[in-house]
Amino acid sequence: MEAENWDCISEMVADCTRELFASIGTDLVRQRGSSLAADQEKSAFSVIGFGGQQVRGVLVLGAPIELLAKAHPMPDAPSEDLLDWCGELSNQLVGRLKNKLLGYGIIIQLSLPTTLCGVLIQHWVRSRHAGFAHRFQADGHCVSTVFEGVAEPGVELAPITGSPEPTNPEGDCLLF
C-alpha cells in the first residue's frame, strides 16, 4: 500500500477517535507528538487486533483512568469497570474504522480487546509495518491512539461509488 493510502487511514483513525469521544461527551483536541499517553498519571490501554484478506493490524487506545471515570456511563464505577470501558471504547473505535474502510472495499474483522493499566507505558512502531500514533488533549488529560498495519501487495484505497452508509448510526444500541 502506498504511503498516501496509509496517510488516509491515519486521518480516518484520528477522525474516528474524535468522533468516538464526542459521542461520550468528551471533546478531544489533536496535539503534536506521536506517542502513547506516557504521562505521569495512571492510564488504561486497550489493544485490539483486526484482520482481513487485504489489511491486518492492531490499534491501541490509551486514556487516563480519571478521564475514563468522567466519561463512564455509571458514576463511581470500580477500577475493573473502567478497564472494561477502555476495552469497549477501543472496540467501538475499530468498529468506526471498519465502517469507514468498507467505503473503500476493505473488509476487516475485529478480535477481542485486551486491556492493561499503568504509568509511563511506551510503545513503538516496528519499522516493517505501517504505523502512526495520534495524541489528543481532553480536560488536561492525554488520550492517544497507535495503529500498526500490514497490507497485502497491490492493495490501494479507492472509494466505492454509491457505497451504502451504515444502517444504524455508530454508537447506537441494537437489541435483537
Protein backbone atom coordinates (compact mmCIF):
# COMPACT_ATOMS: atom_id res chain seq x y z
CA MET A 1 0.00 0.00 0.00
CA GLU A 2 1.32 3.41 -0.95
CA ALA A 3 2.21 6.00 1.71
CA GLU A 4 -0.68 8.31 0.78
CA ASN A 5 -3.12 5.45 1.46
CA TRP A 6 -1.64 4.93 4.93
CA ASP A 7 -1.90 8.71 5.47
CA CYS A 8 -5.61 8.45 4.60
CA ILE A 9 -6.04 5.62 7.13
CA SER A 10 -4.14 7.69 9.71
CA GLU A 11 -6.63 10.53 9.27
CA MET A 12 -9.51 8.03 9.49
CA VAL A 13 -8.16 6.82 12.85
CA ALA A 14 -7.82 10.41 14.13
CA ASP A 15 -11.34 11.29 12.95
CA CYS A 16 -12.81 8.10 14.45
CA THR A 17 -11.10 8.85 17.78
CA ARG A 18 -12.53 12.38 17.94
CA GLU A 19 -15.99 11.16 16.87
CA LEU A 20 -16.00 8.37 19.44
CA PHE A 21 -15.05 10.62 22.34
CA ALA A 22 -17.51 13.30 21.20
CA SER A 23 -20.24 10.63 21.36
CA ILE A 24 -19.49 10.14 25.08
CA GLY A 25 -19.36 13.87 25.83
CA THR A 26 -15.59 14.44 25.67
CA ASP A 27 -14.11 16.85 23.15
CA LEU A 28 -10.60 15.97 22.00
CA VAL A 29 -8.07 18.46 20.63
CA ARG A 30 -5.32 16.96 18.48
CA GLN A 31 -1.79 17.60 19.75
CA ARG A 32 1.62 17.40 18.16
CA GLY A 33 3.60 14.34 19.07
CA SER A 34 3.15 10.72 18.33
CA SER A 35 3.48 8.51 21.36
CA LEU A 36 1.21 6.75 23.75
CA ALA A 37 -0.02 8.60 26.82
CA ALA A 38 3.27 8.43 28.69
CA ASP A 39 2.24 10.99 31.25
CA GLN A 40 2.69 10.59 34.98
CA GLU A 41 -0.96 9.73 35.60
CA LYS A 42 -2.34 6.21 35.79
CA SER A 43 -3.81 5.25 32.43
CA ALA A 44 -5.69 2.36 30.86
CA PHE A 45 -4.71 0.94 27.49
CA SER A 46 -6.64 -1.35 25.24
CA VAL A 47 -5.11 -3.33 22.41
CA ILE A 48 -7.38 -4.72 19.69
CA GLY A 49 -6.38 -6.57 16.58
CA PHE A 50 -8.16 -6.76 13.27
CA GLY A 51 -7.67 -8.68 10.08
CA GLY A 52 -8.98 -9.37 6.63
CA GLN A 53 -7.79 -10.53 3.25
CA GLN A 54 -6.42 -7.09 2.34
CA VAL A 55 -5.30 -5.45 5.59
CA ARG A 56 -4.49 -6.61 9.12
CA GLY A 57 -3.07 -4.93 12.18
CA VAL A 58 -3.60 -3.65 15.68
CA LEU A 59 -4.89 -0.48 17.29
CA VAL A 60 -4.02 0.73 20.80
CA LEU A 61 -6.13 3.25 22.71
CA GLY A 62 -4.75 4.91 25.83
CA ALA A 63 -6.60 7.20 28.24
CA PRO A 64 -6.13 8.27 31.87
CA ILE A 65 -8.26 6.45 34.44
CA GLU A 66 -9.58 9.80 35.69
CA LEU A 67 -10.85 10.74 32.22
CA LEU A 68 -12.39 7.29 31.70
CA ALA A 69 -14.20 7.65 35.04
CA LYS A 70 -15.68 11.00 33.96
CA ALA A 71 -16.85 9.52 30.64
CA HIS A 72 -18.16 6.23 32.08
CA PRO A 73 -21.96 5.87 31.93
CA MET A 74 -22.11 4.94 35.65
CA PRO A 75 -20.80 7.33 38.29
CA ASP A 76 -18.24 5.90 40.72
CA ALA A 77 -17.53 2.85 38.56
CA PRO A 78 -14.93 0.49 40.10
CA SER A 79 -11.46 0.23 38.52
CA GLU A 80 -12.16 -3.07 36.76
CA ASP A 81 -15.21 -1.49 35.09
CA LEU A 82 -13.02 1.38 33.88
CA LEU A 83 -10.62 -1.10 32.26
CA ASP A 84 -13.58 -2.85 30.65
CA TRP A 85 -14.84 0.57 29.49
CA CYS A 86 -11.47 1.25 27.83
CA GLY A 87 -11.79 -2.10 26.03
CA GLU A 88 -15.31 -1.22 24.92
CA LEU A 89 -14.13 2.15 23.61
CA SER A 90 -11.34 0.51 21.59
CA ASN A 91 -13.88 -1.95 20.18
CA GLN A 92 -16.12 0.95 19.13
CA LEU A 93 -13.10 2.81 17.73
CA VAL A 94 -12.07 -0.06 15.46
CA GLY A 95 -15.75 -0.57 14.56
CA ARG A 96 -15.87 3.03 13.35
CA LEU A 97 -12.68 2.47 11.35
CA LYS A 98 -14.18 -0.71 9.91
CA ASN A 99 -17.23 1.25 8.70
CA LYS A 100 -15.00 3.86 7.01
CA LEU A 101 -12.86 1.18 5.34
CA LEU A 102 -15.98 -0.51 3.97
CA GLY A 103 -16.46 2.56 1.79
CA TYR A 104 -13.17 1.62 0.13
CA GLY A 105 -13.98 -2.06 -0.25
CA ILE A 106 -11.69 -3.05 2.63
CA ILE A 107 -13.30 -5.64 4.94
CA ILE A 108 -11.85 -6.35 8.38
CA GLN A 109 -12.90 -8.49 11.32
CA LEU A 110 -12.17 -7.49 14.91
CA SER A 111 -10.56 -9.51 17.67
CA LEU A 112 -11.37 -9.13 21.36
CA PRO A 113 -9.70 -6.20 23.12
CA THR A 114 -7.09 -6.72 25.81
CA THR A 115 -6.71 -4.04 28.47
CA LEU A 116 -3.91 -3.09 30.82
CA CYS A 117 -3.21 -0.31 33.25
CA GLY A 118 -0.06 1.53 34.23
CA VAL A 119 2.05 4.67 34.33
CA LEU A 120 4.62 5.71 31.72
CA ILE A 121 3.69 2.93 29.29
CA GLN A 122 5.52 3.28 25.98
CA HIS A 123 5.00 1.75 22.56
CA TRP A 124 6.99 1.92 19.38
CA VAL A 125 6.04 1.00 15.84
CA ARG A 126 8.08 -1.75 14.24
CA SER A 127 9.78 -0.49 11.10
CA ARG A 128 8.49 -3.27 8.81
CA HIS A 129 4.87 -2.22 9.39
CA ALA A 130 2.99 0.94 8.52
CA GLY A 131 2.31 2.71 11.76
CA PHE A 132 1.36 6.00 13.26
CA ALA A 133 0.23 7.50 16.53
CA HIS A 134 -2.03 10.37 17.50
CA ARG A 135 -2.16 12.38 20.72
CA PHE A 136 -5.16 14.36 21.89
CA GLN A 137 -5.91 16.56 24.90
CA ALA A 138 -9.19 16.49 26.81
CA ASP A 139 -9.75 18.39 30.04
CA GLY A 140 -5.99 18.47 30.70
CA HIS A 141 -5.56 14.74 30.03
CA CYS A 142 -3.77 12.95 27.22
CA VAL A 143 -5.62 10.42 25.02
CA SER A 144 -3.64 8.51 22.42
CA THR A 145 -4.04 6.00 19.64
CA VAL A 146 -1.38 3.89 17.97
CA PHE A 147 -2.03 1.99 14.74
CA GLU A 148 0.12 -0.67 13.10
CA GLY A 149 -0.95 -2.27 9.85
CA VAL A 150 0.15 -4.54 7.06
CA ALA A 151 -1.47 -4.64 3.61
CA GLU A 152 -1.28 -7.35 1.01
CA PRO A 153 0.71 -6.36 -2.09
CA GLY A 154 -1.25 -4.26 -4.54
CA VAL A 155 -3.94 -3.13 -2.09
CA GLU A 156 -4.89 0.51 -2.60
CA LEU A 157 -7.67 2.70 -1.23
CA ALA A 158 -10.22 3.62 -3.88
CA PRO A 159 -13.65 4.85 -2.79
CA ILE A 160 -16.52 2.68 -3.93
CA THR A 161 -19.02 4.85 -5.73
CA GLY A 162 -22.51 4.55 -4.36
CA SER A 163 -21.34 2.68 -1.26
CA PRO A 164 -24.14 2.47 1.31
CA GLU A 165 -23.91 4.22 4.63
CA PRO A 166 -24.07 2.04 7.76
CA THR A 167 -27.70 1.21 8.52
CA ASN A 168 -27.53 2.50 12.09
CA PRO A 169 -25.54 5.42 13.47
CA GLU A 170 -22.35 4.36 15.23
CA GLY A 171 -22.82 4.08 18.96
CA ASP A 172 -26.50 3.10 18.78
CA CYS A 173 -27.55 0.14 20.86
CA LEU A 174 -29.24 -2.59 18.85
CA LEU A 175 -31.27 -5.20 20.66
CA PHE A 176 -32.05 -8.44 18.89
